[in-house]
């Protein structure tokens, strides 16, 4: 059972959530305003949001028929019957609730902008594959990743530790967003054939594999 949940967590995706926080914290350290506690709690909240998003993707992709038996890549636990839809949805809400719990401290530090960032991150994590217009099914996944793993995560972390957003933190956010998009492009390239069959219109499906490789 534990191994099934580790599969659902998708440990290999967590560095993508941690890296922007480390980059924003490194810049705060460079500017002499690093705070270890804020850094650690931000990492915890970011990891929890990533795990909750992974749980959401697992169950919603299964419901939409995107996780086919012939798909490449790591096993999806809902599709494989290792964890039920009910269990996965319950786990998703528990993890997102834990993210909010830790986020309360960050809100105390950063104020209302952190409320907006936190709620938007959770909503986007669900809307990526869930809801009436899932972003990942209509070519919006790349923009989602660029914004939340780059433009929000890096300057947001820097803001929590310094109380301001610097021009450099924004540019570093752009760089991190592009790197995260490169990871997404590799995944979408791998899944292009099965995504096309299931109606998941990623950029790799819309514009072809050659475009995605650029």
C-alpha atoms as a PDB file:
ATOM      1  CA  UNK A   1       0.000   0.000   0.000  1.00  0.00           C
ATOM      2  CA  UNK A   2       2.803   2.429   0.882  1.00  0.00           C
ATOM      3  CA  UNK A   3       4.500   1.789  -2.449  1.00  0.00           C
ATOM      4  CA  UNK A   4       1.243   2.603  -4.246  1.00  0.00           C
ATOM      5  CA  UNK A   5       1.045   5.995  -2.571  1.00  0.00           C
ATOM      6  CA  UNK A   6       4.689   6.675  -3.370  1.00  0.00           C
ATOM      7  CA  UNK A   7       3.835   6.019  -7.008  1.00  0.00           C
ATOM      8  CA  UNK A   8       0.905   8.428  -6.727  1.00  0.00           C
ATOM      9  CA  UNK A   9       3.081  11.104  -5.115  1.00  0.00           C
ATOM     10  CA  UNK A  10       5.463  10.956  -8.122  1.00  0.00           C
ATOM     11  CA  UNK A  11       8.641  11.722  -6.207  1.00  0.00           C
ATOM     12  CA  UNK A  12      10.482  12.577  -9.423  1.00  0.00           C
ATOM     13  CA  UNK A  13       8.248  15.661  -9.867  1.00  0.00           C
ATOM     14  CA  UNK A  14       8.994  17.199  -6.472  1.00  0.00           C
ATOM     15  CA  UNK A  15      12.323  18.819  -7.429  1.00  0.00           C
ATOM     16  CA  UNK A  16      10.354  20.958  -9.890  1.00  0.00           C
ATOM     17  CA  UNK A  17       8.406  22.370  -6.927  1.00  0.00           C
ATOM     18  CA  UNK A  18      11.442  22.754  -4.676  1.00  0.00           C
ATOM     19  CA  UNK A  19      13.858  24.325  -7.168  1.00  0.00           C
ATOM     20  CA  UNK A  20      12.035  27.671  -7.595  1.00  0.00           C
ATOM     21  CA  UNK A  21      11.856  28.067  -3.816  1.00  0.00           C
ATOM     22  CA  UNK A  22      15.565  27.370  -3.474  1.00  0.00           C
ATOM     23  CA  UNK A  23      16.339  29.852  -6.240  1.00  0.00           C
ATOM     24  CA  UNK A  24      14.239  32.599  -4.654  1.00  0.00           C
ATOM     25  CA  UNK A  25      15.795  31.846  -1.275  1.00  0.00           C
ATOM     26  CA  UNK A  26      19.299  31.913  -2.764  1.00  0.00           C
ATOM     27  CA  UNK A  27      18.631  35.394  -4.111  1.00  0.00           C
ATOM     28  CA  UNK A  28      17.326  36.495  -0.710  1.00  0.00           C
ATOM     29  CA  UNK A  29      20.498  35.092   0.852  1.00  0.00           C
ATOM     30  CA  UNK A  30      22.584  36.996  -1.682  1.00  0.00           C
ATOM     31  CA  UNK A  31      20.766  40.164  -0.664  1.00  0.00           C
ATOM     32  CA  UNK A  32      21.361  39.484   3.033  1.00  0.00           C
ATOM     33  CA  UNK A  33      17.721  38.743   3.947  1.00  0.00           C
ATOM     34  CA  UNK A  34      17.579  34.952   4.042  1.00  0.00           C
ATOM     35  CA  UNK A  35      15.259  33.316   6.592  1.00  0.00           C
ATOM     36  CA  UNK A  36      15.646  29.564   7.137  1.00  0.00           C
ATOM     37  CA  UNK A  37      12.216  29.033   8.737  1.00  0.00           C
ATOM     38  CA  UNK A  38      10.395  30.823   5.926  1.00  0.00           C
ATOM     39  CA  UNK A  39      12.431  28.880   3.398  1.00  0.00           C
ATOM     40  CA  UNK A  40      11.582  25.498   4.943  1.00  0.00           C
ATOM     41  CA  UNK A  41       7.862  26.245   5.340  1.00  0.00           C
ATOM     42  CA  UNK A  42       7.677  27.531   1.776  1.00  0.00           C
ATOM     43  CA  UNK A  43       9.263  24.291   0.558  1.00  0.00           C
ATOM     44  CA  UNK A  44       6.785  22.219   2.584  1.00  0.00           C
ATOM     45  CA  UNK A  45       3.805  24.169   1.217  1.00  0.00           C
ATOM     46  CA  UNK A  46       5.117  23.964  -2.359  1.00  0.00           C
ATOM     47  CA  UNK A  47       5.720  20.212  -2.103  1.00  0.00           C
ATOM     48  CA  UNK A  48       2.245  19.638  -0.667  1.00  0.00           C
ATOM     49  CA  UNK A  49       0.641  21.606  -3.494  1.00  0.00           C
ATOM     50  CA  UNK A  50       2.656  19.589  -6.008  1.00  0.00           C
ATOM     51  CA  UNK A  51       1.597  16.299  -4.411  1.00  0.00           C
ATOM     52  CA  UNK A  52      -2.039  17.407  -4.310  1.00  0.00           C
ATOM     53  CA  UNK A  53      -1.803  18.352  -7.976  1.00  0.00           C
ATOM     54  CA  UNK A  54      -0.293  14.958  -8.799  1.00  0.00           C
ATOM     55  CA  UNK A  55      -3.166  13.229  -7.005  1.00  0.00           C
ATOM     56  CA  UNK A  56      -5.651  15.388  -8.927  1.00  0.00           C
ATOM     57  CA  UNK A  57      -3.965  14.583 -12.232  1.00  0.00           C
ATOM     58  CA  UNK A  58      -3.977  10.873 -11.477  1.00  0.00           C
ATOM     59  CA  UNK A  59      -7.690  10.655 -10.823  1.00  0.00           C
ATOM     60  CA  UNK A  60      -8.918  13.230 -13.355  1.00  0.00           C
ATOM     61  CA  UNK A  61      -6.777  11.856 -16.198  1.00  0.00           C
ATOM     62  CA  UNK A  62      -8.241   8.436 -15.438  1.00  0.00           C
ATOM     63  CA  UNK A  63     -11.785   9.800 -15.466  1.00  0.00           C
ATOM     64  CA  UNK A  64     -11.178  11.468 -18.826  1.00  0.00           C
ATOM     65  CA  UNK A  65      -9.614   8.357 -20.330  1.00  0.00           C
ATOM     66  CA  UNK A  66      -6.185   9.919 -20.845  1.00  0.00           C
ATOM     67  CA  UNK A  67      -4.341   7.303 -18.792  1.00  0.00           C
ATOM     68  CA  UNK A  68      -4.600   4.420 -21.204  1.00  0.00           C
ATOM     69  CA  UNK A  69      -3.009   1.013 -20.693  1.00  0.00           C
ATOM     70  CA  UNK A  70      -0.706   1.620 -23.653  1.00  0.00           C
ATOM     71  CA  UNK A  71       0.652   4.949 -22.379  1.00  0.00           C
ATOM     72  CA  UNK A  72       4.371   5.306 -21.825  1.00  0.00           C
ATOM     73  CA  UNK A  73       5.974   6.537 -18.626  1.00  0.00           C
ATOM     74  CA  UNK A  74       5.399   5.775 -14.934  1.00  0.00           C
ATOM     75  CA  UNK A  75       2.362   3.784 -13.846  1.00  0.00           C
ATOM     76  CA  UNK A  76      -0.757   5.748 -12.887  1.00  0.00           C
ATOM     77  CA  UNK A  77      -2.241   4.215  -9.769  1.00  0.00           C
ATOM     78  CA  UNK A  78      -5.912   5.024 -10.345  1.00  0.00           C
ATOM     79  CA  UNK A  79      -5.817   3.627 -13.863  1.00  0.00           C
ATOM     80  CA  UNK A  80      -3.973   0.537 -12.591  1.00  0.00           C
ATOM     81  CA  UNK A  81      -6.608  -0.054  -9.905  1.00  0.00           C
ATOM     82  CA  UNK A  82      -4.070   0.275  -7.091  1.00  0.00           C
ATOM     83  CA  UNK A  83      -5.931   3.156  -5.428  1.00  0.00           C
ATOM     84  CA  UNK A  84      -9.636   3.921  -5.840  1.00  0.00           C
ATOM     85  CA  UNK A  85     -10.970   7.214  -7.166  1.00  0.00           C
ATOM     86  CA  UNK A  86     -12.596   7.933  -3.812  1.00  0.00           C
ATOM     87  CA  UNK A  87      -9.351   7.364  -1.936  1.00  0.00           C
ATOM     88  CA  UNK A  88      -7.409   9.523  -4.369  1.00  0.00           C
ATOM     89  CA  UNK A  89      -9.858  12.414  -4.186  1.00  0.00           C
ATOM     90  CA  UNK A  90      -9.894  12.229  -0.394  1.00  0.00           C
ATOM     91  CA  UNK A  91      -6.086  12.220  -0.307  1.00  0.00           C
ATOM     92  CA  UNK A  92      -6.007  15.176  -2.694  1.00  0.00           C
ATOM     93  CA  UNK A  93      -8.162  17.307  -0.381  1.00  0.00           C
ATOM     94  CA  UNK A  94      -6.206  16.230   2.704  1.00  0.00           C
ATOM     95  CA  UNK A  95      -2.914  17.239   1.105  1.00  0.00           C
ATOM     96  CA  UNK A  96      -4.277  20.561  -0.136  1.00  0.00           C
ATOM     97  CA  UNK A  97      -5.660  21.208   3.365  1.00  0.00           C
ATOM     98  CA  UNK A  98      -2.206  20.570   4.819  1.00  0.00           C
ATOM     99  CA  UNK A  99      -0.782  23.034   2.303  1.00  0.00           C
ATOM    100  CA  UNK A 100      -3.270  25.635   3.530  1.00  0.00           C
ATOM    101  CA  UNK A 101      -2.323  24.848   7.140  1.00  0.00           C
ATOM    102  CA  UNK A 102       1.333  25.631   6.483  1.00  0.00           C
ATOM    103  CA  UNK A 103       0.303  28.490   4.234  1.00  0.00           C
ATOM    104  CA  UNK A 104      -1.304  30.295   7.171  1.00  0.00           C
ATOM    105  CA  UNK A 105       2.176  31.010   8.530  1.00  0.00           C
ATOM    106  CA  UNK A 106       3.268  32.326   5.143  1.00  0.00           C
ATOM    107  CA  UNK A 107       0.187  34.551   4.985  1.00  0.00           C
ATOM    108  CA  UNK A 108       1.103  35.909   8.410  1.00  0.00           C
ATOM    109  CA  UNK A 109       4.502  36.801   6.956  1.00  0.00           C
ATOM    110  CA  UNK A 110       3.504  38.008   3.497  1.00  0.00           C
ATOM    111  CA  UNK A 111      -0.099  39.164   3.818  1.00  0.00           C
ATOM    112  CA  UNK A 112      -2.897  39.065   1.259  1.00  0.00           C
ATOM    113  CA  UNK A 113      -0.684  38.481  -1.825  1.00  0.00           C
ATOM    114  CA  UNK A 114       0.209  35.076  -0.376  1.00  0.00           C
ATOM    115  CA  UNK A 115      -3.480  34.245   0.073  1.00  0.00           C
ATOM    116  CA  UNK A 116      -4.025  34.938  -3.625  1.00  0.00           C
ATOM    117  CA  UNK A 117      -0.941  32.947  -4.647  1.00  0.00           C
ATOM    118  CA  UNK A 118      -1.851  29.976  -2.458  1.00  0.00           C
ATOM    119  CA  UNK A 119      -5.487  29.740  -3.496  1.00  0.00           C
ATOM    120  CA  UNK A 120      -4.628  30.298  -7.160  1.00  0.00           C
ATOM    121  CA  UNK A 121      -1.986  27.566  -6.996  1.00  0.00           C
ATOM    122  CA  UNK A 122      -4.420  25.043  -5.542  1.00  0.00           C
ATOM    123  CA  UNK A 123      -7.186  26.025  -7.965  1.00  0.00           C
ATOM    124  CA  UNK A 124      -4.799  25.747 -10.916  1.00  0.00           C
ATOM    125  CA  UNK A 125      -3.525  22.396  -9.659  1.00  0.00           C
ATOM    126  CA  UNK A 126      -7.076  21.058  -9.818  1.00  0.00           C
ATOM    127  CA  UNK A 127      -7.976  22.845 -13.054  1.00  0.00           C
ATOM    128  CA  UNK A 128      -4.903  21.463 -14.810  1.00  0.00           C
ATOM    129  CA  UNK A 129      -6.735  18.205 -15.499  1.00  0.00           C
ATOM    130  CA  UNK A 130     -10.056  18.664 -13.685  1.00  0.00           C
ATOM    131  CA  UNK A 131     -13.168  20.763 -14.154  1.00  0.00           C
ATOM    132  CA  UNK A 132     -15.151  21.626 -17.288  1.00  0.00           C
ATOM    133  CA  UNK A 133     -12.162  23.134 -19.143  1.00  0.00           C
ATOM    134  CA  UNK A 134      -8.970  21.402 -17.970  1.00  0.00           C
ATOM    135  CA  UNK A 135      -5.927  23.467 -18.907  1.00  0.00           C
ATOM    136  CA  UNK A 136      -3.753  20.486 -19.722  1.00  0.00           C
ATOM    137  CA  UNK A 137      -6.282  19.250 -22.279  1.00  0.00           C
ATOM    138  CA  UNK A 138      -6.460  22.514 -24.220  1.00  0.00           C
ATOM    139  CA  UNK A 139      -2.828  23.505 -24.603  1.00  0.00           C
ATOM    140  CA  UNK A 140      -2.788  25.636 -21.457  1.00  0.00           C
ATOM    141  CA  UNK A 141      -0.427  23.439 -19.488  1.00  0.00           C
ATOM    142  CA  UNK A 142       2.685  25.228 -20.704  1.00  0.00           C
ATOM    143  CA  UNK A 143       1.391  28.626 -19.609  1.00  0.00           C
ATOM    144  CA  UNK A 144       0.313  27.142 -16.272  1.00  0.00           C
ATOM    145  CA  UNK A 145       3.790  25.735 -15.638  1.00  0.00           C
ATOM    146  CA  UNK A 146       5.562  28.914 -16.745  1.00  0.00           C
ATOM    147  CA  UNK A 147       3.474  31.091 -14.426  1.00  0.00           C
ATOM    148  CA  UNK A 148       3.289  28.948 -11.304  1.00  0.00           C
ATOM    149  CA  UNK A 149       6.716  27.274 -11.398  1.00  0.00           C
ATOM    150  CA  UNK A 150       8.468  30.421 -12.568  1.00  0.00           C
ATOM    151  CA  UNK A 151       6.870  33.854 -12.431  1.00  0.00           C
ATOM    152  CA  UNK A 152       5.072  33.174  -9.156  1.00  0.00           C
ATOM    153  CA  UNK A 153       7.293  30.701  -7.304  1.00  0.00           C
ATOM    154  CA  UNK A 154      10.649  32.485  -7.525  1.00  0.00           C
ATOM    155  CA  UNK A 155       9.574  36.121  -6.928  1.00  0.00           C
ATOM    156  CA  UNK A 156       6.985  34.887  -4.413  1.00  0.00           C
ATOM    157  CA  UNK A 157       9.645  33.139  -2.352  1.00  0.00           C
ATOM    158  CA  UNK A 158      11.898  36.183  -2.564  1.00  0.00           C
ATOM    159  CA  UNK A 159       8.999  38.416  -1.487  1.00  0.00           C
ATOM    160  CA  UNK A 160       8.292  36.269   1.574  1.00  0.00           C
ATOM    161  CA  UNK A 161      11.851  36.725   2.802  1.00  0.00           C
ATOM    162  CA  UNK A 162      12.468  40.335   1.796  1.00  0.00           C
ATOM    163  CA  UNK A 163       9.055  41.984   1.663  1.00  0.00           C
ATOM    164  CA  UNK A 164       9.645  43.120  -1.910  1.00  0.00           C
ATOM    165  CA  UNK A 165       9.972  41.809  -5.464  1.00  0.00           C
ATOM    166  CA  UNK A 166      13.160  42.658  -7.318  1.00  0.00           C
ATOM    167  CA  UNK A 167      13.654  42.812 -11.061  1.00  0.00           C
ATOM    168  CA  UNK A 168      16.226  40.025 -10.813  1.00  0.00           C
ATOM    169  CA  UNK A 169      13.769  37.761  -8.988  1.00  0.00           C
ATOM    170  CA  UNK A 170      11.335  38.190 -11.882  1.00  0.00           C
ATOM    171  CA  UNK A 171      13.986  37.386 -14.478  1.00  0.00           C
ATOM    172  CA  UNK A 172      15.060  34.329 -12.503  1.00  0.00           C
ATOM    173  CA  UNK A 173      11.396  33.348 -12.426  1.00  0.00           C
ATOM    174  CA  UNK A 174      11.310  33.576 -16.216  1.00  0.00           C
ATOM    175  CA  UNK A 175      14.362  31.306 -16.456  1.00  0.00           C
ATOM    176  CA  UNK A 176      12.904  28.778 -14.017  1.00  0.00           C
ATOM    177  CA  UNK A 177       9.574  28.838 -15.832  1.00  0.00           C
ATOM    178  CA  UNK A 178      11.309  28.055 -19.114  1.00  0.00           C
ATOM    179  CA  UNK A 179      13.243  25.182 -17.546  1.00  0.00           C
ATOM    180  CA  UNK A 180      10.038  23.752 -16.079  1.00  0.00           C
ATOM    181  CA  UNK A 181       8.390  24.077 -19.480  1.00  0.00           C
ATOM    182  CA  UNK A 182      11.244  22.107 -21.007  1.00  0.00           C
ATOM    183  CA  UNK A 183      10.498  19.262 -18.587  1.00  0.00           C
ATOM    184  CA  UNK A 184       6.813  19.428 -19.507  1.00  0.00           C
ATOM    185  CA  UNK A 185       7.675  19.405 -23.209  1.00  0.00           C
ATOM    186  CA  UNK A 186       9.680  16.193 -22.794  1.00  0.00           C
ATOM    187  CA  UNK A 187       6.753  14.534 -21.011  1.00  0.00           C
ATOM    188  CA  UNK A 188       4.258  15.748 -23.612  1.00  0.00           C
ATOM    189  CA  UNK A 189       6.511  14.568 -26.418  1.00  0.00           C
ATOM    190  CA  UNK A 190       6.629  11.104 -24.848  1.00  0.00           C
ATOM    191  CA  UNK A 191       2.842  10.998 -24.450  1.00  0.00           C
ATOM    192  CA  UNK A 192       1.912  12.703 -27.742  1.00  0.00           C
ATOM    193  CA  UNK A 193       0.500   9.620 -29.473  1.00  0.00           C
ATOM    194  CA  UNK A 194      -1.633   8.444 -26.552  1.00  0.00           C
ATOM    195  CA  UNK A 195      -2.715  12.025 -25.759  1.00  0.00           C
ATOM    196  CA  UNK A 196      -3.943  12.495 -29.323  1.00  0.00           C
ATOM    197  CA  UNK A 197      -6.027   9.336 -29.114  1.00  0.00           C
ATOM    198  CA  UNK A 198      -7.576  10.393 -25.793  1.00  0.00           C
ATOM    199  CA  UNK A 199      -8.275  13.962 -26.960  1.00  0.00           C
ATOM    200  CA  UNK A 200      -5.674  15.664 -24.779  1.00  0.00           C
ATOM    201  CA  UNK A 201      -4.609  18.581 -26.974  1.00  0.00           C
ATOM    202  CA  UNK A 202      -1.200  19.472 -25.583  1.00  0.00           C
ATOM    203  CA  UNK A 203       1.096  21.648 -27.679  1.00  0.00           C
ATOM    204  CA  UNK A 204       2.880  18.481 -28.791  1.00  0.00           C
ATOM    205  CA  UNK A 205      -0.424  17.207 -30.170  1.00  0.00           C
ATOM    206  CA  UNK A 206      -1.524  20.532 -31.654  1.00  0.00           C
ATOM    207  CA  UNK A 207       1.730  21.437 -33.395  1.00  0.00           C
ATOM    208  CA  UNK A 208       3.494  18.100 -33.712  1.00  0.00           C
ATOM    209  CA  UNK A 209       6.587  16.436 -32.326  1.00  0.00           C
ATOM    210  CA  UNK A 210       9.021  18.447 -34.457  1.00  0.00           C
ATOM    211  CA  UNK A 211       7.690  21.700 -33.005  1.00  0.00           C
ATOM    212  CA  UNK A 212       7.964  20.345 -29.463  1.00  0.00           C
ATOM    213  CA  UNK A 213      11.611  19.405 -29.970  1.00  0.00           C
ATOM    214  CA  UNK A 214      12.591  22.988 -30.855  1.00  0.00           C
END
